[in-house]
C-alpha atoms as a PDB file:
ATOM      1  CA  UNK A   1      -6.757  -6.501  -0.112  1.00  0.00           C
ATOM      2  CA  UNK A   2      -4.530  -3.914  -1.709  1.00  0.00           C
ATOM      3  CA  UNK A   3      -1.329  -2.000  -0.844  1.00  0.00           C
ATOM      4  CA  UNK A   4      -0.848   1.688  -1.470  1.00  0.00           C
ATOM      5  CA  UNK A   5       2.418   2.728  -3.084  1.00  0.00           C
ATOM      6  CA  UNK A   6       3.615   6.297  -3.613  1.00  0.00           C
ATOM      7  CA  UNK A   7       6.356   7.700  -5.799  1.00  0.00           C
ATOM      8  CA  UNK A   8       8.346   8.768  -2.691  1.00  0.00           C
ATOM      9  CA  UNK A   9       8.080   5.217  -1.350  1.00  0.00           C
ATOM     10  CA  UNK A  10       6.343   6.614   1.773  1.00  0.00           C
ATOM     11  CA  UNK A  11       4.562   4.161   4.013  1.00  0.00           C
ATOM     12  CA  UNK A  12       2.471   6.922   5.649  1.00  0.00           C
ATOM     13  CA  UNK A  13      -0.338   6.668   3.085  1.00  0.00           C
ATOM     14  CA  UNK A  14      -0.368   2.877   3.333  1.00  0.00           C
ATOM     15  CA  UNK A  15      -0.756   3.037   7.141  1.00  0.00           C
ATOM     16  CA  UNK A  16      -3.444   5.718   6.872  1.00  0.00           C
ATOM     17  CA  UNK A  17      -5.446   3.561   4.506  1.00  0.00           C
ATOM     18  CA  UNK A  18      -4.966   0.464   6.661  1.00  0.00           C
ATOM     19  CA  UNK A  19      -6.207   2.387   9.731  1.00  0.00           C
ATOM     20  CA  UNK A  20      -9.277   3.609   7.780  1.00  0.00           C
ATOM     21  CA  UNK A  21     -10.036   0.056   6.830  1.00  0.00           C
ATOM     22  CA  UNK A  22      -9.529  -1.023  10.447  1.00  0.00           C
ATOM     23  CA  UNK A  23     -11.899   1.717  11.626  1.00  0.00           C
ATOM     24  CA  UNK A  24     -14.495   0.393   9.130  1.00  0.00           C
ATOM     25  CA  UNK A  25     -14.073  -3.129  10.520  1.00  0.00           C
ATOM     26  CA  UNK A  26     -14.286  -1.800  14.101  1.00  0.00           C
ATOM     27  CA  UNK A  27     -17.452   0.037  13.214  1.00  0.00           C
ATOM     28  CA  UNK A  28     -18.958  -3.126  11.632  1.00  0.00           C
ATOM     29  CA  UNK A  29     -18.433  -5.135  14.858  1.00  0.00           C
ATOM     30  CA  UNK A  30     -19.038  -2.372  17.356  1.00  0.00           C
ATOM     31  CA  UNK A  31     -22.201  -4.042  18.611  1.00  0.00           C
ATOM     32  CA  UNK A  32     -20.200  -7.126  19.465  1.00  0.00           C
ATOM     33  CA  UNK A  33     -17.401  -5.209  21.102  1.00  0.00           C
ATOM     34  CA  UNK A  34     -19.670  -3.150  23.346  1.00  0.00           C
ATOM     35  CA  UNK A  35     -22.026  -6.051  24.199  1.00  0.00           C
ATOM     36  CA  UNK A  36     -22.301  -7.055  27.817  1.00  0.00           C
ATOM     37  CA  UNK A  37     -23.301 -10.622  26.836  1.00  0.00           C
ATOM     38  CA  UNK A  38     -19.851 -11.487  25.455  1.00  0.00           C
ATOM     39  CA  UNK A  39     -16.838 -12.047  27.633  1.00  0.00           C
ATOM     40  CA  UNK A  40     -13.763  -9.879  27.350  1.00  0.00           C
ATOM     41  CA  UNK A  41     -11.728 -12.832  26.075  1.00  0.00           C
ATOM     42  CA  UNK A  42     -14.146 -13.394  23.231  1.00  0.00           C
ATOM     43  CA  UNK A  43     -14.123  -9.723  22.400  1.00  0.00           C
ATOM     44  CA  UNK A  44     -10.337  -9.759  22.239  1.00  0.00           C
ATOM     45  CA  UNK A  45     -10.484 -12.770  19.913  1.00  0.00           C
ATOM     46  CA  UNK A  46     -12.842 -10.889  17.675  1.00  0.00           C
ATOM     47  CA  UNK A  47     -10.379  -7.999  17.528  1.00  0.00           C
ATOM     48  CA  UNK A  48      -7.460 -10.287  16.798  1.00  0.00           C
ATOM     49  CA  UNK A  49      -9.232 -12.258  14.070  1.00  0.00           C
ATOM     50  CA  UNK A  50     -11.290  -9.552  12.325  1.00  0.00           C
ATOM     51  CA  UNK A  51      -9.780  -6.136  12.914  1.00  0.00           C
ATOM     52  CA  UNK A  52      -6.029  -6.684  13.330  1.00  0.00           C
ATOM     53  CA  UNK A  53      -5.478  -8.725  10.106  1.00  0.00           C
ATOM     54  CA  UNK A  54      -7.019  -5.924   8.086  1.00  0.00           C
ATOM     55  CA  UNK A  55      -4.791  -3.290   9.762  1.00  0.00           C
ATOM     56  CA  UNK A  56      -1.615  -5.347   9.687  1.00  0.00           C
ATOM     57  CA  UNK A  57      -1.887  -6.616   6.081  1.00  0.00           C
ATOM     58  CA  UNK A  58       1.556  -6.186   4.470  1.00  0.00           C
ATOM     59  CA  UNK A  59       3.168  -4.846   7.690  1.00  0.00           C
ATOM     60  CA  UNK A  60       6.278  -6.891   7.125  1.00  0.00           C
ATOM     61  CA  UNK A  61       7.541  -4.260   4.726  1.00  0.00           C
ATOM     62  CA  UNK A  62       6.567  -1.209   6.811  1.00  0.00           C
ATOM     63  CA  UNK A  63       9.329   1.204   8.015  1.00  0.00           C
ATOM     64  CA  UNK A  64       7.755   2.608  11.122  1.00  0.00           C
ATOM     65  CA  UNK A  65       8.619   6.020  12.331  1.00  0.00           C
ATOM     66  CA  UNK A  66       7.603   7.289  15.750  1.00  0.00           C
ATOM     67  CA  UNK A  67       4.635   9.047  14.199  1.00  0.00           C
ATOM     68  CA  UNK A  68       3.332   5.807  12.609  1.00  0.00           C
ATOM     69  CA  UNK A  69       4.014   3.845  15.848  1.00  0.00           C
ATOM     70  CA  UNK A  70       1.951   6.467  17.726  1.00  0.00           C
ATOM     71  CA  UNK A  71      -0.911   6.193  15.199  1.00  0.00           C
ATOM     72  CA  UNK A  72      -0.990   2.405  15.530  1.00  0.00           C
ATOM     73  CA  UNK A  73      -0.955   2.626  19.320  1.00  0.00           C
ATOM     74  CA  UNK A  74      -3.798   5.178  19.304  1.00  0.00           C
ATOM     75  CA  UNK A  75      -5.886   2.928  17.075  1.00  0.00           C
ATOM     76  CA  UNK A  76      -5.198  -0.063  19.300  1.00  0.00           C
ATOM     77  CA  UNK A  77      -6.112   1.832  22.447  1.00  0.00           C
ATOM     78  CA  UNK A  78      -9.357   3.030  20.826  1.00  0.00           C
ATOM     79  CA  UNK A  79     -10.372  -0.529  20.084  1.00  0.00           C
ATOM     80  CA  UNK A  80      -9.328  -1.791  23.525  1.00  0.00           C
ATOM     81  CA  UNK A  81     -11.330   1.007  25.190  1.00  0.00           C
ATOM     82  CA  UNK A  82     -14.356  -0.233  23.247  1.00  0.00           C
ATOM     83  CA  UNK A  83     -13.694  -3.820  24.418  1.00  0.00           C
ATOM     84  CA  UNK A  84     -13.054  -3.134  28.122  1.00  0.00           C
ATOM     85  CA  UNK A  85     -15.571  -0.277  28.433  1.00  0.00           C
ATOM     86  CA  UNK A  86     -15.516   2.589  30.964  1.00  0.00           C
ATOM     87  CA  UNK A  87     -14.621   2.213  34.641  1.00  0.00           C
ATOM     88  CA  UNK A  88     -16.335   3.718  37.657  1.00  0.00           C
ATOM     89  CA  UNK A  89     -13.961   5.936  39.590  1.00  0.00           C
ATOM     90  CA  UNK A  90     -13.687   4.689  43.121  1.00  0.00           C
ATOM     91  CA  UNK A  91     -13.335   8.121  44.632  1.00  0.00           C
ATOM     92  CA  UNK A  92     -15.922  10.224  42.778  1.00  0.00           C
ATOM     93  CA  UNK A  93     -18.211   7.367  41.598  1.00  0.00           C
ATOM     94  CA  UNK A  94     -18.265   8.826  38.054  1.00  0.00           C
ATOM     95  CA  UNK A  95     -17.673   6.826  34.890  1.00  0.00           C
ATOM     96  CA  UNK A  96     -14.385   7.462  33.063  1.00  0.00           C
ATOM     97  CA  UNK A  97     -12.302   6.130  30.204  1.00  0.00           C
ATOM     98  CA  UNK A  98      -9.522   3.694  30.960  1.00  0.00           C
ATOM     99  CA  UNK A  99      -6.036   5.138  31.051  1.00  0.00           C
ATOM    100  CA  UNK A 100      -3.328   3.635  28.773  1.00  0.00           C
ATOM    101  CA  UNK A 101      -1.618   1.947  31.728  1.00  0.00           C
ATOM    102  CA  UNK A 102      -4.802   0.307  32.744  1.00  0.00           C
ATOM    103  CA  UNK A 103      -5.331  -0.968  29.180  1.00  0.00           C
ATOM    104  CA  UNK A 104      -1.810  -2.443  29.123  1.00  0.00           C
ATOM    105  CA  UNK A 105      -2.562  -4.188  32.436  1.00  0.00           C
ATOM    106  CA  UNK A 106      -5.857  -5.668  31.181  1.00  0.00           C
ATOM    107  CA  UNK A 107      -4.519  -6.586  27.735  1.00  0.00           C
ATOM    108  CA  UNK A 108      -1.785  -9.078  28.243  1.00  0.00           C
ATOM    109  CA  UNK A 109      -1.032  -9.817  24.563  1.00  0.00           C
ATOM    110  CA  UNK A 110       1.772  -7.988  22.672  1.00  0.00           C
ATOM    111  CA  UNK A 111       0.957  -4.425  21.586  1.00  0.00           C
ATOM    112  CA  UNK A 112       0.414  -3.760  17.892  1.00  0.00           C
ATOM    113  CA  UNK A 113       3.821  -2.193  17.291  1.00  0.00           C
ATOM    114  CA  UNK A 114       5.551  -5.224  18.737  1.00  0.00           C
ATOM    115  CA  UNK A 115       3.436  -7.472  16.484  1.00  0.00           C
ATOM    116  CA  UNK A 116       4.604  -5.491  13.445  1.00  0.00           C
ATOM    117  CA  UNK A 117       8.223  -5.924  14.491  1.00  0.00           C
ATOM    118  CA  UNK A 118       7.751  -9.674  15.164  1.00  0.00           C
ATOM    119  CA  UNK A 119       6.262 -10.154  11.736  1.00  0.00           C
ATOM    120  CA  UNK A 120       9.109  -8.171  10.180  1.00  0.00           C
ATOM    121  CA  UNK A 121      11.629 -10.439  11.853  1.00  0.00           C
ATOM    122  CA  UNK A 122       9.717 -13.511  10.821  1.00  0.00           C
ATOM    123  CA  UNK A 123       9.680 -12.303   7.242  1.00  0.00           C
ATOM    124  CA  UNK A 124      13.455 -11.632   7.344  1.00  0.00           C
ATOM    125  CA  UNK A 125      14.021 -15.199   8.572  1.00  0.00           C
ATOM    126  CA  UNK A 126      11.870 -16.491   5.789  1.00  0.00           C
ATOM    127  CA  UNK A 127      13.971 -14.573   3.257  1.00  0.00           C
ATOM    128  CA  UNK A 128      17.140 -15.954   4.830  1.00  0.00           C
ATOM    129  CA  UNK A 129      15.971 -19.519   4.282  1.00  0.00           C
ATOM    130  CA  UNK A 130      15.256 -18.954   0.597  1.00  0.00           C
ATOM    131  CA  UNK A 131      17.577 -20.533  -1.916  1.00  0.00           C
ATOM    132  CA  UNK A 132      20.570 -18.591  -3.255  1.00  0.00           C
ATOM    133  CA  UNK A 133      18.998 -18.556  -6.718  1.00  0.00           C
ATOM    134  CA  UNK A 134      16.100 -16.343  -5.602  1.00  0.00           C
ATOM    135  CA  UNK A 135      16.387 -12.679  -6.317  1.00  0.00           C
ATOM    136  CA  UNK A 136      15.010 -11.636  -2.959  1.00  0.00           C
ATOM    137  CA  UNK A 137      17.650 -13.772  -1.209  1.00  0.00           C
ATOM    138  CA  UNK A 138      20.461 -12.200  -3.247  1.00  0.00           C
ATOM    139  CA  UNK A 139      19.270  -8.681  -2.229  1.00  0.00           C
ATOM    140  CA  UNK A 140      19.067  -9.794   1.389  1.00  0.00           C
ATOM    141  CA  UNK A 141      22.653 -10.949   1.543  1.00  0.00           C
ATOM    142  CA  UNK A 142      23.948  -8.079  -0.557  1.00  0.00           C
ATOM    143  CA  UNK A 143      24.814  -9.962  -3.792  1.00  0.00           C
ATOM    144  CA  UNK A 144      22.549  -8.429  -6.493  1.00  0.00           C
ATOM    145  CA  UNK A 145      23.373  -9.117 -10.114  1.00  0.00           C
ATOM    146  CA  UNK A 146      24.256  -6.511 -12.714  1.00  0.00           C
ATOM    147  CA  UNK A 147      25.589  -2.999 -12.441  1.00  0.00           C
ATOM    148  CA  UNK A 148      24.068  -0.214 -10.412  1.00  0.00           C
ATOM    149  CA  UNK A 149      23.215   3.103 -12.082  1.00  0.00           C
ATOM    150  CA  UNK A 150      25.608   5.938 -11.572  1.00  0.00           C
ATOM    151  CA  UNK A 151      24.918   8.120  -8.537  1.00  0.00           C
ATOM    152  CA  UNK A 152      22.932   5.492  -6.730  1.00  0.00           C
ATOM    153  CA  UNK A 153      23.986   4.797  -3.165  1.00  0.00           C
ATOM    154  CA  UNK A 154      25.022   1.284  -2.122  1.00  0.00           C
ATOM    155  CA  UNK A 155      21.884  -0.295  -0.714  1.00  0.00           C
ATOM    156  CA  UNK A 156      22.726  -3.560   0.894  1.00  0.00           C
ATOM    157  CA  UNK A 157      20.256  -6.066   2.290  1.00  0.00           C
ATOM    158  CA  UNK A 158      22.469  -6.514   5.320  1.00  0.00           C
ATOM    159  CA  UNK A 159      22.296  -2.760   6.041  1.00  0.00           C
ATOM    160  CA  UNK A 160      18.520  -2.878   5.768  1.00  0.00           C
ATOM    161  CA  UNK A 161      18.375  -5.769   8.208  1.00  0.00           C
ATOM    162  CA  UNK A 162      20.761  -4.112  10.581  1.00  0.00           C
ATOM    163  CA  UNK A 163      18.412  -1.143  10.573  1.00  0.00           C
ATOM    164  CA  UNK A 164      15.427  -3.418  11.239  1.00  0.00           C
ATOM    165  CA  UNK A 165      17.119  -5.278  14.062  1.00  0.00           C
ATOM    166  CA  UNK A 166      18.738  -2.089  15.414  1.00  0.00           C
ATOM    167  CA  UNK A 167      15.206  -0.769  16.000  1.00  0.00           C
ATOM    168  CA  UNK A 168      14.276  -4.006  17.756  1.00  0.00           C
ATOM    169  CA  UNK A 169      14.636  -3.757  21.477  1.00  0.00           C
ATOM    170  CA  UNK A 170      16.491  -6.626  23.179  1.00  0.00           C
ATOM    171  CA  UNK A 171      17.754  -8.385  20.051  1.00  0.00           C
ATOM    172  CA  UNK A 172      21.443  -8.697  19.377  1.00  0.00           C
ATOM    173  CA  UNK A 173      22.309  -7.183  15.980  1.00  0.00           C
ATOM    174  CA  UNK A 174      24.738  -9.881  15.009  1.00  0.00           C
ATOM    175  CA  UNK A 175      24.249 -12.300  12.168  1.00  0.00           C
ATOM    176  CA  UNK A 176      23.572 -15.376  14.359  1.00  0.00           C
ATOM    177  CA  UNK A 177      19.897 -15.203  13.430  1.00  0.00           C
ATOM    178  CA  UNK A 178      20.910 -15.707   9.764  1.00  0.00           C
ATOM    179  CA  UNK A 179      22.777 -18.908  10.593  1.00  0.00           C
ATOM    180  CA  UNK A 180      19.933 -20.153  12.766  1.00  0.00           C
ATOM    181  CA  UNK A 181      17.419 -19.326  10.011  1.00  0.00           C
ATOM    182  CA  UNK A 182      19.343 -21.479   7.531  1.00  0.00           C
ATOM    183  CA  UNK A 183      19.595 -24.543   9.785  1.00  0.00           C
ATOM    184  CA  UNK A 184      23.031 -23.711  11.188  1.00  0.00           C
ATOM    185  CA  UNK A 185      24.656 -23.281   7.816  1.00  0.00           C
ATOM    186  CA  UNK A 186      26.429 -20.181   6.545  1.00  0.00           C
ATOM    187  CA  UNK A 187      25.465 -18.262   3.473  1.00  0.00           C
END
């Protein structure tokens, strides 16, 4: 697998290419997803083991804007509509697509945007447990070596993580996770 980098450090192209690859995977297993012989649980397992790993490759480093979150949710809903199929309307008797609320009710696992945020937090905890001699760990705790070029803003790993956890709903933005991630010790 590959990752797309641009000179503006934009993640939009990366997410677009991931979604294209996810569409290709979805197309390759569409006969399985729309089959009436397979249970819904098995179809969901197929999605989670074949399609989602392709789409979420490298998602630990993604900076999601609302636009990218929306694109990911649209892709997920498209796949789930294929899995759960249409519903017959009780009033008119006609077949219709499932609404987003109905998909959320039927699909009890975390939505794709939440999975991205969980993986990002797990990656940050992994970085926190790295030894102090590792370069990534020094950037995380804001102790890089050397001098910064003139005119460059102060980019601190702690500020980056505050931004990550500030976007996370329901998580305290304190540094207790850093102490927990390093077996109760302090950095």
